[in-house]
Amino acid sequence: MGYGLLQLAIGLSVLLLKPFGSIMVLSLLTACFGAFIVVNCVIRKNLTTTSA
């Protein structure tokens, strides 16, 4: 459920930023992608240290 809400929030943000141009939309998506990668790495690092 949490991941679906995150997707919904990103989708709504894209729709709200659409009138400001493609650079704003791409900037938002790039920031979300970067944040997802960082969070994913932190979770994987925590999982490997706790399971070892």
Foldseek 3Di string as FASTA:
>chain_A
DVVVVVVVVLVVVLVVCVVVDDVVNVVSVVVVVVVVVVVVVVVVVVVVVVVD
